[in-house]
């Protein structure tokens, strides 16, 4: 399906069903999701990369702490 046709169908469907309580609830959830993303400084493509496992997250924390320490020591002179 052509992209413009798909956009037109979304607009037509929204215009037709915008007063439906389910659509209004979905709209509120999307707005809350967007606000939460903005608050956390994330973009859509970054969301699926935020869930790390415990060991991987701990390893990343140690790595970043080590980088911080090295750069901190190099900044003294």
C-alpha atoms as a PDB file:
ATOM      1  CA  UNK A   1       0.000   0.000   0.000  1.00  0.00           C
ATOM      2  CA  UNK A   2       1.260   3.449  -0.825  1.00  0.00           C
ATOM      3  CA  UNK A   3       2.278   5.574   2.141  1.00  0.00           C
ATOM      4  CA  UNK A   4       0.005   8.519   1.330  1.00  0.00           C
ATOM      5  CA  UNK A   5      -2.948   6.171   1.098  1.00  0.00           C
ATOM      6  CA  UNK A   6      -2.144   4.739   4.514  1.00  0.00           C
ATOM      7  CA  UNK A   7      -1.855   8.227   6.035  1.00  0.00           C
ATOM      8  CA  UNK A   8      -5.160   9.207   4.471  1.00  0.00           C
ATOM      9  CA  UNK A   9      -6.827   6.134   5.949  1.00  0.00           C
ATOM     10  CA  UNK A  10      -5.454   6.927   9.409  1.00  0.00           C
ATOM     11  CA  UNK A  11      -6.758  10.490   9.179  1.00  0.00           C
ATOM     12  CA  UNK A  12     -10.137   9.311   7.899  1.00  0.00           C
ATOM     13  CA  UNK A  13     -10.416   6.654  10.619  1.00  0.00           C
ATOM     14  CA  UNK A  14      -9.400   9.052  13.364  1.00  0.00           C
ATOM     15  CA  UNK A  15     -11.848  11.681  12.160  1.00  0.00           C
ATOM     16  CA  UNK A  16     -14.620   9.104  12.106  1.00  0.00           C
ATOM     17  CA  UNK A  17     -13.879   7.519  15.511  1.00  0.00           C
ATOM     18  CA  UNK A  18     -12.254  10.334  17.503  1.00  0.00           C
ATOM     19  CA  UNK A  19     -15.209  10.525  19.930  1.00  0.00           C
ATOM     20  CA  UNK A  20     -15.037   6.789  20.727  1.00  0.00           C
ATOM     21  CA  UNK A  21     -13.973   6.342  24.381  1.00  0.00           C
ATOM     22  CA  UNK A  22     -11.440   3.673  23.408  1.00  0.00           C
ATOM     23  CA  UNK A  23      -9.787   6.052  20.933  1.00  0.00           C
ATOM     24  CA  UNK A  24      -9.776   8.859  23.490  1.00  0.00           C
ATOM     25  CA  UNK A  25      -8.193   6.533  26.076  1.00  0.00           C
ATOM     26  CA  UNK A  26      -5.566   5.415  23.552  1.00  0.00           C
ATOM     27  CA  UNK A  27      -4.806   9.032  22.712  1.00  0.00           C
ATOM     28  CA  UNK A  28      -4.246   9.816  26.416  1.00  0.00           C
ATOM     29  CA  UNK A  29      -1.949   6.808  26.770  1.00  0.00           C
ATOM     30  CA  UNK A  30       0.080   7.860  23.723  1.00  0.00           C
ATOM     31  CA  UNK A  31       0.412  11.408  25.057  1.00  0.00           C
ATOM     32  CA  UNK A  32       1.530  10.069  28.463  1.00  0.00           C
ATOM     33  CA  UNK A  33       4.048   7.766  26.733  1.00  0.00           C
ATOM     34  CA  UNK A  34       5.440  10.667  24.703  1.00  0.00           C
ATOM     35  CA  UNK A  35       5.720  12.823  27.828  1.00  0.00           C
ATOM     36  CA  UNK A  36       7.545  10.038  29.674  1.00  0.00           C
ATOM     37  CA  UNK A  37       9.943   9.615  26.754  1.00  0.00           C
ATOM     38  CA  UNK A  38      10.611  13.352  26.698  1.00  0.00           C
ATOM     39  CA  UNK A  39      11.197  13.372  30.472  1.00  0.00           C
ATOM     40  CA  UNK A  40      13.703  10.515  30.192  1.00  0.00           C
ATOM     41  CA  UNK A  41      15.399  11.974  27.118  1.00  0.00           C
ATOM     42  CA  UNK A  42      14.667   8.990  24.884  1.00  0.00           C
ATOM     43  CA  UNK A  43      13.573   8.659  21.301  1.00  0.00           C
ATOM     44  CA  UNK A  44      11.380   5.875  19.920  1.00  0.00           C
ATOM     45  CA  UNK A  45      14.269   3.954  18.395  1.00  0.00           C
ATOM     46  CA  UNK A  46      16.052   3.871  21.763  1.00  0.00           C
ATOM     47  CA  UNK A  47      13.244   2.339  23.809  1.00  0.00           C
ATOM     48  CA  UNK A  48      13.891  -1.306  22.910  1.00  0.00           C
ATOM     49  CA  UNK A  49      17.557  -0.886  23.887  1.00  0.00           C
ATOM     50  CA  UNK A  50      16.821   0.172  27.460  1.00  0.00           C
ATOM     51  CA  UNK A  51      16.134  -3.235  28.969  1.00  0.00           C
ATOM     52  CA  UNK A  52      19.447  -4.808  29.883  1.00  0.00           C
ATOM     53  CA  UNK A  53      19.855  -7.954  31.909  1.00  0.00           C
ATOM     54  CA  UNK A  54      21.307  -7.710  35.408  1.00  0.00           C
ATOM     55  CA  UNK A  55      24.861  -8.881  34.595  1.00  0.00           C
ATOM     56  CA  UNK A  56      25.030  -6.829  31.408  1.00  0.00           C
ATOM     57  CA  UNK A  57      23.788  -3.702  33.182  1.00  0.00           C
ATOM     58  CA  UNK A  58      26.317  -4.228  35.988  1.00  0.00           C
ATOM     59  CA  UNK A  59      29.126  -4.679  33.440  1.00  0.00           C
ATOM     60  CA  UNK A  60      28.097  -1.495  31.676  1.00  0.00           C
ATOM     61  CA  UNK A  61      28.050   0.346  35.017  1.00  0.00           C
ATOM     62  CA  UNK A  62      31.566  -0.852  35.847  1.00  0.00           C
ATOM     63  CA  UNK A  63      32.853   0.088  32.395  1.00  0.00           C
ATOM     64  CA  UNK A  64      31.387   3.586  32.573  1.00  0.00           C
ATOM     65  CA  UNK A  65      32.703   4.066  36.112  1.00  0.00           C
ATOM     66  CA  UNK A  66      36.191   3.010  34.961  1.00  0.00           C
ATOM     67  CA  UNK A  67      36.030   5.484  32.063  1.00  0.00           C
ATOM     68  CA  UNK A  68      34.930   8.198  34.483  1.00  0.00           C
ATOM     69  CA  UNK A  69      37.831   7.442  36.818  1.00  0.00           C
ATOM     70  CA  UNK A  70      40.394   7.414  33.982  1.00  0.00           C
ATOM     71  CA  UNK A  71      39.150  10.690  32.500  1.00  0.00           C
ATOM     72  CA  UNK A  72      38.914  12.187  35.981  1.00  0.00           C
ATOM     73  CA  UNK A  73      42.540  11.304  36.745  1.00  0.00           C
ATOM     74  CA  UNK A  74      43.692  12.619  33.366  1.00  0.00           C
ATOM     75  CA  UNK A  75      41.938  15.925  33.971  1.00  0.00           C
ATOM     76  CA  UNK A  76      43.968  16.781  37.102  1.00  0.00           C
ATOM     77  CA  UNK A  77      47.247  17.784  35.437  1.00  0.00           C
END
